[in-house]
Amino acid sequence: MRLPAVKIRHEVIKLVGSEKKIRGKLLEIREAECDGSPRFLIAVPKRCGKAVRRNRIKRIIREWCRVNYDVFPEGTMWFIKVSPAVKELSDRKLSKELRGELAELFSQLIGRRLNA
């Protein structure tokens, strides 16, 4: 299954300007309401490393969201912004740290315990 993405301009603007957010050491997550199924927008700035590393970070986040997709409530959009602090992590720790922080932050937002 392909992870549904936020693609419409006015939805992106609404999501980026959303007040409902939570911030961790590596990630910032914002939530906004929408119609239909849950959708995601992932941003990884160039300060996080070269394209290969940025793409790997996006793949890790997309895969985690895809596996836990049934937990996300209907009618929500999610904006996941990666902090440049990710650049300091080694390749071995990257996946474990990102998955752990995703589970922790989304658990606080959704109110359910999620698996890393």
Protein backbone atom coordinates (compact mmCIF):
# COMPACT_ATOMS: atom_id res chain seq x y z
CA MET A 1 0.00 0.00 0.00
CA ARG A 2 1.25 3.45 -0.90
CA LEU A 3 1.06 6.03 1.89
CA PRO A 4 -1.51 8.76 1.03
CA ALA A 5 0.14 12.18 0.65
CA VAL A 6 -1.09 15.74 1.09
CA LYS A 7 -0.93 17.25 -2.41
CA ILE A 8 -3.44 20.11 -2.62
CA ARG A 9 -1.91 23.57 -2.04
CA HIS A 10 -4.54 24.92 0.35
CA GLU A 11 -4.27 21.76 2.47
CA VAL A 12 -0.48 22.11 2.65
CA ILE A 13 -0.85 25.75 3.77
CA LYS A 14 -3.44 24.75 6.37
CA LEU A 15 -1.24 21.93 7.65
CA VAL A 16 1.99 23.94 7.87
CA GLY A 17 0.20 26.72 9.74
CA SER A 18 -1.57 24.37 12.14
CA GLU A 19 -1.38 25.24 15.83
CA LYS A 20 -1.76 21.64 17.01
CA LYS A 21 1.83 20.41 17.13
CA ILE A 22 4.31 18.51 19.22
CA ARG A 23 8.09 18.64 19.07
CA GLY A 24 10.71 16.09 19.97
CA LYS A 25 14.50 15.98 19.71
CA LEU A 26 14.47 14.84 16.07
CA LEU A 27 10.95 15.55 14.79
CA GLU A 28 8.13 18.08 14.82
CA ILE A 29 4.63 16.79 14.05
CA ARG A 30 1.63 18.97 13.17
CA GLU A 31 -1.97 17.83 12.80
CA ALA A 32 -4.90 19.34 10.89
CA GLU A 33 -8.38 18.19 9.93
CA CYS A 34 -9.31 17.10 6.41
CA ASP A 35 -11.87 15.03 4.57
CA GLY A 36 -11.34 11.32 4.06
CA SER A 37 -8.51 9.05 5.06
CA PRO A 38 -5.36 10.08 6.96
CA ARG A 39 -2.70 11.76 4.80
CA PHE A 40 0.93 12.67 5.39
CA LEU A 41 3.43 15.36 4.40
CA ILE A 42 7.10 14.72 5.19
CA ALA A 43 9.79 17.42 5.06
CA VAL A 44 13.51 16.71 5.38
CA PRO A 45 15.71 19.83 4.98
CA LYS A 46 19.03 19.79 3.15
CA ARG A 47 20.83 20.43 6.44
CA CYS A 48 20.07 16.78 7.33
CA GLY A 49 22.65 15.54 4.85
CA LYS A 50 23.04 14.61 1.22
CA ALA A 51 20.16 13.34 -0.92
CA VAL A 52 20.85 9.66 -0.20
CA ARG A 53 20.53 10.22 3.55
CA ARG A 54 17.47 12.48 3.22
CA ASN A 55 15.73 9.86 1.07
CA ARG A 56 16.59 7.15 3.60
CA ILE A 57 15.06 9.25 6.38
CA LYS A 58 11.87 9.72 4.32
CA ARG A 59 11.69 5.97 3.59
CA ILE A 60 12.01 5.12 7.29
CA ILE A 61 9.23 7.58 8.21
CA ARG A 62 6.93 6.49 5.37
CA GLU A 63 7.36 2.81 6.24
CA TRP A 64 6.62 3.43 9.93
CA CYS A 65 3.46 5.40 9.02
CA ARG A 66 2.38 2.71 6.54
CA VAL A 67 2.75 -0.09 9.11
CA ASN A 68 0.79 1.89 11.74
CA TYR A 69 -1.71 3.38 9.27
CA ASP A 70 -4.79 1.76 10.81
CA VAL A 71 -4.16 3.61 14.12
CA PHE A 72 -4.45 7.09 12.60
CA PRO A 73 -7.96 8.60 12.90
CA GLU A 74 -10.02 9.36 9.79
CA GLY A 75 -10.12 12.99 8.71
CA THR A 76 -6.59 13.96 9.76
CA MET A 77 -3.53 15.28 7.94
CA TRP A 78 -0.07 14.98 9.45
CA PHE A 79 3.03 17.11 8.75
CA ILE A 80 6.27 15.46 9.89
CA LYS A 81 9.26 17.82 9.84
CA VAL A 82 12.71 16.38 10.52
CA SER A 83 15.22 18.36 12.58
CA PRO A 84 18.81 18.87 11.36
CA ALA A 85 19.88 17.11 14.60
CA VAL A 86 19.34 13.87 12.64
CA LYS A 87 22.65 14.55 10.89
CA GLU A 88 24.50 13.72 14.12
CA LEU A 89 23.10 10.16 14.27
CA SER A 90 25.09 7.27 12.86
CA ASP A 91 23.51 5.05 10.21
CA ARG A 92 23.10 2.28 12.78
CA LYS A 93 21.15 4.47 15.21
CA LEU A 94 19.12 6.42 12.62
CA SER A 95 16.28 3.96 12.08
CA LYS A 96 15.90 2.99 15.74
CA GLU A 97 15.91 6.61 16.97
CA LEU A 98 13.45 7.84 14.32
CA ARG A 99 11.02 4.97 14.88
CA GLY A 100 11.19 5.42 18.65
CA GLU A 101 10.51 9.14 18.46
CA LEU A 102 7.69 8.66 15.94
CA ALA A 103 6.02 6.16 18.28
CA GLU A 104 6.46 8.42 21.29
CA LEU A 105 5.17 11.62 19.65
CA PHE A 106 2.23 10.02 17.86
CA SER A 107 1.26 8.20 21.07
CA GLN A 108 0.99 11.57 22.78
CA LEU A 109 -1.03 13.08 19.92
CA ILE A 110 -3.37 10.16 19.27
CA GLY A 111 -3.64 8.93 22.84
CA ARG A 112 -2.80 5.29 22.05
CA ARG A 113 0.42 3.38 22.57
CA LEU A 114 2.20 2.66 19.27
CA ASN A 115 4.99 0.24 18.43
CA ALA A 116 8.40 1.51 17.42
